[in-house]
Amino acid sequence: TGEHGQAADVTNREIDVAVRDLLEKGFTRAKDILIRRRADLDAGAQL
């Protein structure tokens, strides 16, 4: 259902926030890597 057993509504909210933070952290790390390697990104895409 998207909710978790033996967890209060506040805890379900914290689970959603924690999952969102992990995804945002992964996206930021990926974007920082690609900014540093922009030349490789362009060259690889053209190839």
All heavy atoms as atom14 arrays in JSON, in Angstrom:
{
  "sequence": "TGEHGQAADVTNREIDVAVRDLLEKGFTRAKDILIRRRADLDAGAQL",
  "atom14_mask": [
    [1, 1, 1, 1, 1, 1, 1, 0, 0, 0, 0, 0, 0, 0],
    [1, 1, 1, 1, 0, 0, 0, 0, 0, 0, 0, 0, 0, 0],
    [1, 1, 1, 1, 1, 1, 1, 1, 1, 0, 0, 0, 0, 0],
    [1, 1, 1, 1, 1, 1, 1, 1, 1, 1, 0, 0, 0, 0],
    [1, 1, 1, 1, 0, 0, 0, 0, 0, 0, 0, 0, 0, 0],
    [1, 1, 1, 1, 1, 1, 1, 1, 1, 0, 0, 0, 0, 0],
    [1, 1, 1, 1, 1, 0, 0, 0, 0, 0, 0, 0, 0, 0],
    [1, 1, 1, 1, 1, 0, 0, 0, 0, 0, 0, 0, 0, 0],
    [1, 1, 1, 1, 1, 1, 1, 1, 0, 0, 0, 0, 0, 0],
    [1, 1, 1, 1, 1, 1, 1, 0, 0, 0, 0, 0, 0, 0],
    [1, 1, 1, 1, 1, 1, 1, 0, 0, 0, 0, 0, 0, 0],
    [1, 1, 1, 1, 1, 1, 1, 1, 0, 0, 0, 0, 0, 0],
    [1, 1, 1, 1, 1, 1, 1, 1, 1, 1, 1, 0, 0, 0],
    [1, 1, 1, 1, 1, 1, 1, 1, 1, 0, 0, 0, 0, 0],
    [1, 1, 1, 1, 1, 1, 1, 1, 0, 0, 0, 0, 0, 0],
    [1, 1, 1, 1, 1, 1, 1, 1, 0, 0, 0, 0, 0, 0],
    [1, 1, 1, 1, 1, 1, 1, 0, 0, 0, 0, 0, 0, 0],
    [1, 1, 1, 1, 1, 0, 0, 0, 0, 0, 0, 0, 0, 0],
    [1, 1, 1, 1, 1, 1, 1, 0, 0, 0, 0, 0, 0, 0],
    [1, 1, 1, 1, 1, 1, 1, 1, 1, 1, 1, 0, 0, 0],
    [1, 1, 1, 1, 1, 1, 1, 1, 0, 0, 0, 0, 0, 0],
    [1, 1, 1, 1, 1, 1, 1, 1, 0, 0, 0, 0, 0, 0],
    [1, 1, 1, 1, 1, 1, 1, 1, 0, 0, 0, 0, 0, 0],
    [1, 1, 1, 1, 1, 1, 1, 1, 1, 0, 0, 0, 0, 0],
    [1, 1, 1, 1, 1, 1, 1, 1, 1, 0, 0, 0, 0, 0],
    [1, 1, 1, 1, 0, 0, 0, 0, 0, 0, 0, 0, 0, 0],
    [1, 1, 1, 1, 1, 1, 1, 1, 1, 1, 1, 0, 0, 0],
    [1, 1, 1, 1, 1, 1, 1, 0, 0, 0, 0, 0, 0, 0],
    [1, 1, 1, 1, 1, 1, 1, 1, 1, 1, 1, 0, 0, 0],
    [1, 1, 1, 1, 1, 0, 0, 0, 0, 0, 0, 0, 0, 0],
    [1, 1, 1, 1, 1, 1, 1, 1, 1, 0, 0, 0, 0, 0],
    [1, 1, 1, 1, 1, 1, 1, 1, 0, 0, 0, 0, 0, 0],
    [1, 1, 1, 1, 1, 1, 1, 1, 0, 0, 0, 0, 0, 0],
    [1, 1, 1, 1, 1, 1, 1, 1, 0, 0, 0, 0, 0, 0],
    [1, 1, 1, 1, 1, 1, 1, 1, 0, 0, 0, 0, 0, 0],
    [1, 1, 1, 1, 1, 1, 1, 1, 1, 1, 1, 0, 0, 0],
    [1, 1, 1, 1, 1, 1, 1, 1, 1, 1, 1, 0, 0, 0],
    [1, 1, 1, 1, 1, 1, 1, 1, 1, 1, 1, 0, 0, 0],
    [1, 1, 1, 1, 1, 0, 0, 0, 0, 0, 0, 0, 0, 0],
    [1, 1, 1, 1, 1, 1, 1, 1, 0, 0, 0, 0, 0, 0],
    [1, 1, 1, 1, 1, 1, 1, 1, 0, 0, 0, 0, 0, 0],
    [1, 1, 1, 1, 1, 1, 1, 1, 0, 0, 0, 0, 0, 0],
    [1, 1, 1, 1, 1, 0, 0, 0, 0, 0, 0, 0, 0, 0],
    [1, 1, 1, 1, 0, 0, 0, 0, 0, 0, 0, 0, 0, 0],
    [1, 1, 1, 1, 1, 0, 0, 0, 0, 0, 0, 0, 0, 0],
    [1, 1, 1, 1, 1, 1, 1, 1, 1, 0, 0, 0, 0, 0],
    [1, 1, 1, 1, 1, 1, 1, 1, 0, 0, 0, 0, 0, 0]
  ],
  "atom14_positions": [
    [[0.81, -1.22, 0.0], [0.0, 0.0, 0.0], [0.84, 1.26, 0.0], [0.32, 2.35, -0.21], [-0.9, 0.02, 1.24], [-0.09, 0.03, 2.42], [-1.82, -1.19, 1.26], [0.0, 0.0, 0.0], [0.0, 0.0, 0.0], [0.0, 0.0, 0.0], [0.0, 0.0, 0.0], [0.0, 0.0, 0.0], [0.0, 0.0, 0.0], [0.0, 0.0, 0.0]],
    [[2.14, 1.14, 0.26], [2.99, 2.32, 0.38], [3.24, 2.7, 1.83], [4.15, 3.47, 2.11], [0.0, 0.0, 0.0], [0.0, 0.0, 0.0], [0.0, 0.0, 0.0], [0.0, 0.0, 0.0], [0.0, 0.0, 0.0], [0.0, 0.0, 0.0], [0.0, 0.0, 0.0], [0.0, 0.0, 0.0], [0.0, 0.0, 0.0], [0.0, 0.0, 0.0]],
    [[2.43, 2.16, 2.76], [2.65, 2.37, 4.17], [3.3, 1.12, 4.77], [3.26, 0.05, 4.19], [1.33, 2.67, 4.88], [0.67, 3.96, 4.38], [-0.6, 4.26, 5.15], [-1.01, 3.41, 5.95], [-1.16, 5.34, 4.94], [0.0, 0.0, 0.0], [0.0, 0.0, 0.0], [0.0, 0.0, 0.0], [0.0, 0.0, 0.0], [0.0, 0.0, 0.0]],
    [[3.89, 1.29, 5.95], [4.66, 0.21, 6.55], [4.06, -0.17, 7.89], [3.69, 0.7, 8.69], [6.12, 0.61, 6.7], [6.78, 0.89, 5.38], [6.67, 2.1, 4.73], [7.52, 0.09, 4.57], [7.33, 2.04, 3.59], [7.84, 0.85, 3.47], [0.0, 0.0, 0.0], [0.0, 0.0, 0.0], [0.0, 0.0, 0.0], [0.0, 0.0, 0.0]],
    [[3.97, -1.48, 8.13], [3.38, -1.97, 9.36], [4.18, -1.59, 10.58], [5.41, -1.41, 10.52], [0.0, 0.0, 0.0], [0.0, 0.0, 0.0], [0.0, 0.0, 0.0], [0.0, 0.0, 0.0], [0.0, 0.0, 0.0], [0.0, 0.0, 0.0], [0.0, 0.0, 0.0], [0.0, 0.0, 0.0], [0.0, 0.0, 0.0], [0.0, 0.0, 0.0]],
    [[3.51, -1.47, 11.74], [4.13, -1.14, 13.02], [4.87, 0.19, 12.95], [5.87, 0.4, 13.63], [5.09, -2.25, 13.45], [4.42, -3.6, 13.6], [5.41, -4.7, 13.96], [6.61, -4.5, 13.88], [4.89, -5.84, 14.35], [0.0, 0.0, 0.0], [0.0, 0.0, 0.0], [0.0, 0.0, 0.0], [0.0, 0.0, 0.0], [0.0, 0.0, 0.0]],
    [[4.4, 1.1, 12.12], [5.02, 2.41, 12.0], [3.93, 3.48, 12.09], [2.88, 3.37, 11.46], [5.76, 2.55, 10.67], [0.0, 0.0, 0.0], [0.0, 0.0, 0.0], [0.0, 0.0, 0.0], [0.0, 0.0, 0.0], [0.0, 0.0, 0.0], [0.0, 0.0, 0.0], [0.0, 0.0, 0.0], [0.0, 0.0, 0.0], [0.0, 0.0, 0.0]],
    [[4.21, 4.51, 12.88], [3.26, 5.61, 13.02], [3.28, 6.47, 11.76], [4.17, 6.35, 10.91], [3.61, 6.45, 14.25], [0.0, 0.0, 0.0], [0.0, 0.0, 0.0], [0.0, 0.0, 0.0], [0.0, 0.0, 0.0], [0.0, 0.0, 0.0], [0.0, 0.0, 0.0], [0.0, 0.0, 0.0], [0.0, 0.0, 0.0], [0.0, 0.0, 0.0]],
    [[2.3, 7.35, 11.66], [2.23, 8.23, 10.49], [3.47, 9.1, 10.39], [3.97, 9.37, 9.3], [0.97, 9.1, 10.58], [-0.3, 8.28, 10.43], [-0.22, 7.17, 9.88], [-1.37, 8.76, 10.87], [0.0, 0.0, 0.0], [0.0, 0.0, 0.0], [0.0, 0.0, 0.0], [0.0, 0.0, 0.0], [0.0, 0.0, 0.0], [0.0, 0.0, 0.0]],
    [[3.97, 9.54, 11.54], [5.18, 10.37, 11.55], [6.37, 9.57, 11.01], [7.19, 10.09, 10.24], [5.47, 10.89, 12.97], [6.78, 11.66, 13.0], [4.32, 11.76, 13.47], [0.0, 0.0, 0.0], [0.0, 0.0, 0.0], [0.0, 0.0, 0.0], [0.0, 0.0, 0.0], [0.0, 0.0, 0.0], [0.0, 0.0, 0.0], [0.0, 0.0, 0.0]],
    [[6.45, 8.3, 11.39], [7.56, 7.47, 10.91], [7.46, 7.22, 9.42], [8.47, 7.23, 8.7], [7.57, 6.12, 11.66], [7.57, 6.36, 13.07], [8.8, 5.31, 11.3], [0.0, 0.0, 0.0], [0.0, 0.0, 0.0], [0.0, 0.0, 0.0], [0.0, 0.0, 0.0], [0.0, 0.0, 0.0], [0.0, 0.0, 0.0], [0.0, 0.0, 0.0]],
    [[6.24, 6.99, 8.91], [6.07, 6.84, 7.47], [6.52, 8.09, 6.72], [7.12, 8.0, 5.64], [4.59, 6.55, 7.14], [4.24, 5.09, 7.34], [4.97, 4.2, 6.93], [3.12, 4.84, 8.0], [0.0, 0.0, 0.0], [0.0, 0.0, 0.0], [0.0, 0.0, 0.0], [0.0, 0.0, 0.0], [0.0, 0.0, 0.0], [0.0, 0.0, 0.0]],
    [[6.25, 9.24, 7.3], [6.71, 10.51, 6.71], [8.24, 10.56, 6.71], [8.85, 10.96, 5.71], [6.12, 11.65, 7.52], [6.79, 13.0, 7.32], [6.37, 13.66, 6.04], [6.96, 14.98, 5.9], [7.0, 15.65, 4.77], [6.47, 15.13, 3.68], [7.55, 16.85, 4.71], [0.0, 0.0, 0.0], [0.0, 0.0, 0.0], [0.0, 0.0, 0.0]],
    [[8.87, 10.13, 7.8], [10.33, 10.14, 7.87], [10.94, 9.16, 6.87], [12.01, 9.42, 6.3], [10.78, 9.8, 9.29], [10.47, 10.89, 10.32], [10.89, 10.5, 11.72], [11.25, 9.31, 11.91], [10.88, 11.37, 12.61], [0.0, 0.0, 0.0], [0.0, 0.0, 0.0], [0.0, 0.0, 0.0], [0.0, 0.0, 0.0], [0.0, 0.0, 0.0]],
    [[10.28, 8.02, 6.66], [10.77, 7.05, 5.66], [10.74, 7.69, 4.27], [11.71, 7.57, 3.5], [9.92, 5.77, 5.7], [10.18, 5.0, 6.99], [10.2, 4.89, 4.49], [9.29, 3.79, 7.18], [0.0, 0.0, 0.0], [0.0, 0.0, 0.0], [0.0, 0.0, 0.0], [0.0, 0.0, 0.0], [0.0, 0.0, 0.0], [0.0, 0.0, 0.0]],
    [[9.66, 8.36, 3.93], [9.57, 9.02, 2.63], [10.66, 10.07, 2.46], [11.29, 10.17, 1.39], [8.2, 9.68, 2.47], [7.08, 8.65, 2.33], [7.4, 7.51, 1.94], [5.92, 8.99, 2.61], [0.0, 0.0, 0.0], [0.0, 0.0, 0.0], [0.0, 0.0, 0.0], [0.0, 0.0, 0.0], [0.0, 0.0, 0.0], [0.0, 0.0, 0.0]],
    [[10.92, 10.84, 3.52], [11.95, 11.88, 3.45], [13.33, 11.26, 3.3], [14.17, 11.73, 2.52], [11.89, 12.79, 4.7], [13.07, 13.75, 4.72], [10.57, 13.56, 4.73], [0.0, 0.0, 0.0], [0.0, 0.0, 0.0], [0.0, 0.0, 0.0], [0.0, 0.0, 0.0], [0.0, 0.0, 0.0], [0.0, 0.0, 0.0], [0.0, 0.0, 0.0]],
    [[13.59, 10.16, 4.04], [14.9, 9.51, 3.95], [15.15, 8.94, 2.56], [16.26, 9.05, 2.01], [14.99, 8.41, 5.01], [0.0, 0.0, 0.0], [0.0, 0.0, 0.0], [0.0, 0.0, 0.0], [0.0, 0.0, 0.0], [0.0, 0.0, 0.0], [0.0, 0.0, 0.0], [0.0, 0.0, 0.0], [0.0, 0.0, 0.0], [0.0, 0.0, 0.0]],
    [[14.12, 8.34, 1.97], [14.26, 7.8, 0.61], [14.51, 8.92, -0.38], [15.39, 8.82, -1.26], [13.0, 6.99, 0.22], [13.03, 6.62, -1.26], [12.89, 5.73, 1.06], [0.0, 0.0, 0.0], [0.0, 0.0, 0.0], [0.0, 0.0, 0.0], [0.0, 0.0, 0.0], [0.0, 0.0, 0.0], [0.0, 0.0, 0.0], [0.0, 0.0, 0.0]],
    [[13.77, 10.02, -0.24], [13.96, 11.16, -1.14], [15.36, 11.74, -1.0], [16.01, 12.08, -2.01], [12.92, 12.24, -0.83], [12.97, 13.43, -1.79], [12.02, 14.51, -1.35], [12.42, 15.05, -0.05], [11.67, 15.86, 0.69], [10.46, 16.2, 0.27], [12.1, 16.3, 1.85], [0.0, 0.0, 0.0], [0.0, 0.0, 0.0], [0.0, 0.0, 0.0]],
    [[15.88, 11.82, 0.23], [17.23, 12.36, 0.43], [18.29, 11.48, -0.21], [19.27, 11.99, -0.79], [17.5, 12.52, 1.93], [16.67, 13.62, 2.57], [16.11, 14.46, 1.81], [16.57, 13.65, 3.82], [0.0, 0.0, 0.0], [0.0, 0.0, 0.0], [0.0, 0.0, 0.0], [0.0, 0.0, 0.0], [0.0, 0.0, 0.0], [0.0, 0.0, 0.0]],
    [[18.13, 10.16, -0.1], [19.1, 9.26, -0.73], [19.1, 9.43, -2.25], [20.18, 9.42, -2.89], [18.77, 7.8, -0.37], [19.19, 7.32, 1.01], [18.6, 5.94, 1.3], [20.71, 7.27, 1.13], [0.0, 0.0, 0.0], [0.0, 0.0, 0.0], [0.0, 0.0, 0.0], [0.0, 0.0, 0.0], [0.0, 0.0, 0.0], [0.0, 0.0, 0.0]],
    [[17.93, 9.57, -2.84], [17.84, 9.74, -4.29], [18.44, 11.07, -4.72], [19.16, 11.15, -5.72], [16.39, 9.64, -4.74], [15.71, 8.28, -4.5], [14.24, 8.33, -4.9], [16.42, 7.17, -5.28], [0.0, 0.0, 0.0], [0.0, 0.0, 0.0], [0.0, 0.0, 0.0], [0.0, 0.0, 0.0], [0.0, 0.0, 0.0], [0.0, 0.0, 0.0]],
    [[18.16, 12.12, -3.96], [18.71, 13.44, -4.3], [20.22, 13.45, -4.15], [20.93, 14.05, -4.96], [18.08, 14.51, -3.41], [16.62, 14.82, -3.73], [16.45, 15.36, -5.14], [17.35, 16.08, -5.63], [15.42, 15.04, -5.78], [0.0, 0.0, 0.0], [0.0, 0.0, 0.0], [0.0, 0.0, 0.0], [0.0, 0.0, 0.0], [0.0, 0.0, 0.0]],
    [[20.73, 12.76, -3.13], [22.18, 12.68, -2.94], [22.83, 11.94, -4.12], [23.87, 12.37, -4.64], [22.49, 11.96, -1.63], [23.97, 11.8, -1.35], [24.2, 11.03, -0.05], [25.69, 10.8, 0.19], [25.92, 10.0, 1.43], [0.0, 0.0, 0.0], [0.0, 0.0, 0.0], [0.0, 0.0, 0.0], [0.0, 0.0, 0.0], [0.0, 0.0, 0.0]],
    [[22.21, 10.82, -4.57], [22.75, 10.1, -5.71], [22.72, 10.91, -6.98], [23.67, 10.88, -7.78], [0.0, 0.0, 0.0], [0.0, 0.0, 0.0], [0.0, 0.0, 0.0], [0.0, 0.0, 0.0], [0.0, 0.0, 0.0], [0.0, 0.0, 0.0], [0.0, 0.0, 0.0], [0.0, 0.0, 0.0], [0.0, 0.0, 0.0], [0.0, 0.0, 0.0]],
    [[21.64, 11.68, -7.18], [21.54, 12.52, -8.37], [22.6, 13.62, -8.35], [23.24, 13.89, -9.38], [20.14, 13.14, -8.43], [19.93, 14.04, -9.62], [19.61, 13.52, -10.86], [20.05, 15.41, -9.5], [19.44, 14.33, -11.96], [19.87, 16.24, -10.58], [19.56, 15.7, -11.83], [0.0, 0.0, 0.0], [0.0, 0.0, 0.0], [0.0, 0.0, 0.0]],
    [[22.81, 14.23, -7.19], [23.82, 15.3, -7.08], [25.21, 14.76, -7.35], [26.02, 15.39, -8.04], [23.74, 15.94, -5.69], [22.43, 16.44, -5.46], [24.75, 17.07, -5.56], [0.0, 0.0, 0.0], [0.0, 0.0, 0.0], [0.0, 0.0, 0.0], [0.0, 0.0, 0.0], [0.0, 0.0, 0.0], [0.0, 0.0, 0.0], [0.0, 0.0, 0.0]],
    [[25.53, 13.57, -6.8], [26.85, 12.98, -7.04], [27.05, 12.69, -8.52], [28.13, 12.95, -9.08], [26.99, 11.68, -6.24], [27.05, 11.86, -4.73], [27.17, 10.52, -4.05], [28.46, 9.91, -4.35], [28.7, 8.61, -4.22], [27.72, 7.78, -3.87], [29.9, 8.12, -4.47], [0.0, 0.0, 0.0], [0.0, 0.0, 0.0], [0.0, 0.0, 0.0]],
    [[26.04, 12.13, -9.17], [26.15, 11.82, -10.59], [26.34, 13.09, -11.4], [27.19, 13.13, -12.33], [24.91, 11.06, -11.06], [0.0, 0.0, 0.0], [0.0, 0.0, 0.0], [0.0, 0.0, 0.0], [0.0, 0.0, 0.0], [0.0, 0.0, 0.0], [0.0, 0.0, 0.0], [0.0, 0.0, 0.0], [0.0, 0.0, 0.0], [0.0, 0.0, 0.0]],
    [[25.6, 14.14, -11.08], [25.72, 15.38, -11.84], [27.08, 16.03, -11.64], [27.68, 16.56, -12.6], [24.61, 16.34, -11.43], [24.48, 17.55, -12.34], [23.24, 18.37, -12.0], [23.12, 19.56, -12.96], [21.89, 20.35, -12.66], [0.0, 0.0, 0.0], [0.0, 0.0, 0.0], [0.0, 0.0, 0.0], [0.0, 0.0, 0.0], [0.0, 0.0, 0.0]],
    [[27.61, 15.99, -10.42], [28.94, 16.56, -10.17], [30.02, 15.83, -10.98], [30.95, 16.45, -11.51], [29.26, 16.48, -8.68], [28.41, 17.43, -7.85], [27.84, 18.38, -8.44], [28.31, 17.23, -6.62], [0.0, 0.0, 0.0], [0.0, 0.0, 0.0], [0.0, 0.0, 0.0], [0.0, 0.0, 0.0], [0.0, 0.0, 0.0], [0.0, 0.0, 0.0]],
    [[29.89, 14.5, -11.05], [30.86, 13.72, -11.84], [30.8, 14.12, -13.3], [31.84, 14.32, -13.97], [30.6, 12.21, -11.66], [30.95, 11.76, -10.25], [31.38, 11.4, -12.69], [30.53, 10.34, -9.93], [0.0, 0.0, 0.0], [0.0, 0.0, 0.0], [0.0, 0.0, 0.0], [0.0, 0.0, 0.0], [0.0, 0.0, 0.0], [0.0, 0.0, 0.0]],
    [[29.61, 14.27, -13.85], [29.46, 14.59, -15.26], [29.89, 16.02, -15.57], [30.36, 16.3, -16.67], [28.01, 14.36, -15.7], [27.53, 12.9, -15.6], [26.07, 12.79, -16.0], [28.38, 11.99, -16.48], [0.0, 0.0, 0.0], [0.0, 0.0, 0.0], [0.0, 0.0, 0.0], [0.0, 0.0, 0.0], [0.0, 0.0, 0.0], [0.0, 0.0, 0.0]],
    [[29.74, 16.92, -14.61], [30.23, 18.29, -14.82], [31.75, 18.28, -14.95], [32.33, 18.96, -15.82], [29.78, 19.21, -13.65], [28.27, 19.45, -13.73], [30.53, 20.54, -13.68], [27.72, 20.22, -12.54], [0.0, 0.0, 0.0], [0.0, 0.0, 0.0], [0.0, 0.0, 0.0], [0.0, 0.0, 0.0], [0.0, 0.0, 0.0], [0.0, 0.0, 0.0]],
    [[32.4, 17.49, -14.09], [33.87, 17.4, -14.16], [34.32, 16.7, -15.44], [35.4, 17.0, -15.95], [34.42, 16.65, -12.94], [34.17, 17.34, -11.61], [35.08, 16.76, -10.52], [35.02, 15.31, -10.46], [34.21, 14.63, -9.66], [33.36, 15.3, -8.88], [34.22, 13.31, -9.63], [0.0, 0.0, 0.0], [0.0, 0.0, 0.0], [0.0, 0.0, 0.0]],
    [[33.53, 15.77, -15.94], [33.92, 14.99, -17.11], [33.06, 15.36, -18.32], [32.74, 14.5, -19.14], [33.81, 13.5, -16.8], [34.61, 13.05, -15.59], [34.69, 11.54, -15.49], [35.39, 10.96, -16.63], [35.67, 9.66, -16.74], [35.3, 8.83, -15.79], [36.28, 9.2, -17.81], [0.0, 0.0, 0.0], [0.0, 0.0, 0.0], [0.0, 0.0, 0.0]],
    [[32.73, 16.63, -18.45], [31.86, 17.07, -19.54], [32.48, 16.79, -20.91], [31.77, 16.42, -21.86], [31.57, 18.57, -19.4], [30.7, 19.16, -20.49], [29.33, 18.49, -20.55], [28.56, 18.88, -21.72], [27.7, 19.89, -21.74], [27.52, 20.64, -20.64], [27.02, 20.17, -22.83], [0.0, 0.0, 0.0], [0.0, 0.0, 0.0], [0.0, 0.0, 0.0]],
    [[33.79, 16.94, -21.02], [34.44, 16.68, -22.31], [34.29, 15.21, -22.7], [34.01, 14.89, -23.87], [35.92, 17.06, -22.24], [0.0, 0.0, 0.0], [0.0, 0.0, 0.0], [0.0, 0.0, 0.0], [0.0, 0.0, 0.0], [0.0, 0.0, 0.0], [0.0, 0.0, 0.0], [0.0, 0.0, 0.0], [0.0, 0.0, 0.0], [0.0, 0.0, 0.0]],
    [[34.47, 14.28, -21.74], [34.28, 12.86, -22.03], [32.83, 12.56, -22.37], [32.54, 11.71, -23.23], [34.71, 12.02, -20.82], [36.22, 12.05, -20.59], [36.95, 12.28, -21.57], [36.65, 11.85, -19.45], [0.0, 0.0, 0.0], [0.0, 0.0, 0.0], [0.0, 0.0, 0.0], [0.0, 0.0, 0.0], [0.0, 0.0, 0.0], [0.0, 0.0, 0.0]],
    [[31.89, 13.25, -21.7], [30.47, 13.04, -21.97], [30.14, 13.42, -23.41], [29.45, 12.66, -24.12], [29.64, 13.86, -20.99], [28.11, 13.78, -21.14], [27.63, 12.35, -20.89], [27.44, 14.75, -20.17], [0.0, 0.0, 0.0], [0.0, 0.0, 0.0], [0.0, 0.0, 0.0], [0.0, 0.0, 0.0], [0.0, 0.0, 0.0], [0.0, 0.0, 0.0]],
    [[30.62, 14.57, -23.86], [30.34, 15.0, -25.23], [31.0, 14.08, -26.26], [30.38, 13.68, -27.25], [30.82, 16.44, -25.43], [30.0, 17.43, -24.61], [28.82, 17.14, -24.35], [30.55, 18.48, -24.23], [0.0, 0.0, 0.0], [0.0, 0.0, 0.0], [0.0, 0.0, 0.0], [0.0, 0.0, 0.0], [0.0, 0.0, 0.0], [0.0, 0.0, 0.0]],
    [[32.27, 13.73, -26.0], [32.99, 12.88, -26.95], [32.36, 11.49, -27.04], [32.21, 10.92, -28.12], [34.46, 12.78, -26.55], [0.0, 0.0, 0.0], [0.0, 0.0, 0.0], [0.0, 0.0, 0.0], [0.0, 0.0, 0.0], [0.0, 0.0, 0.0], [0.0, 0.0, 0.0], [0.0, 0.0, 0.0], [0.0, 0.0, 0.0], [0.0, 0.0, 0.0]],
    [[31.98, 10.93, -25.87], [31.37, 9.61, -25.88], [30.02, 9.6, -26.56], [29.69, 8.65, -27.28], [0.0, 0.0, 0.0], [0.0, 0.0, 0.0], [0.0, 0.0, 0.0], [0.0, 0.0, 0.0], [0.0, 0.0, 0.0], [0.0, 0.0, 0.0], [0.0, 0.0, 0.0], [0.0, 0.0, 0.0], [0.0, 0.0, 0.0], [0.0, 0.0, 0.0]],
    [[29.22, 10.64, -26.37], [27.92, 10.71, -27.02], [28.07, 10.81, -28.54], [27.3, 10.17, -29.29], [27.13, 11.9, -26.48], [0.0, 0.0, 0.0], [0.0, 0.0, 0.0], [0.0, 0.0, 0.0], [0.0, 0.0, 0.0], [0.0, 0.0, 0.0], [0.0, 0.0, 0.0], [0.0, 0.0, 0.0], [0.0, 0.0, 0.0], [0.0, 0.0, 0.0]],
    [[29.03, 11.59, -29.0], [29.25, 11.7, -30.44], [29.7, 10.37, -31.04], [29.26, 10.0, -32.14], [30.3, 12.79, -30.72], [29.86, 14.19, -30.36], [28.58, 14.59, -31.1], [28.41, 14.32, -32.28], [27.67, 15.26, -30.38], [0.0, 0.0, 0.0], [0.0, 0.0, 0.0], [0.0, 0.0, 0.0], [0.0, 0.0, 0.0], [0.0, 0.0, 0.0]],
    [[30.55, 9.65, -30.31], [30.99, 8.34, -30.8], [29.83, 7.35, -30.82], [29.71, 6.53, -31.75], [32.14, 7.82, -29.93], [32.83, 6.54, -30.41], [33.46, 6.75, -31.79], [33.87, 6.07, -29.41], [0.0, 0.0, 0.0], [0.0, 0.0, 0.0], [0.0, 0.0, 0.0], [0.0, 0.0, 0.0], [0.0, 0.0, 0.0], [0.0, 0.0, 0.0]]
  ]
}
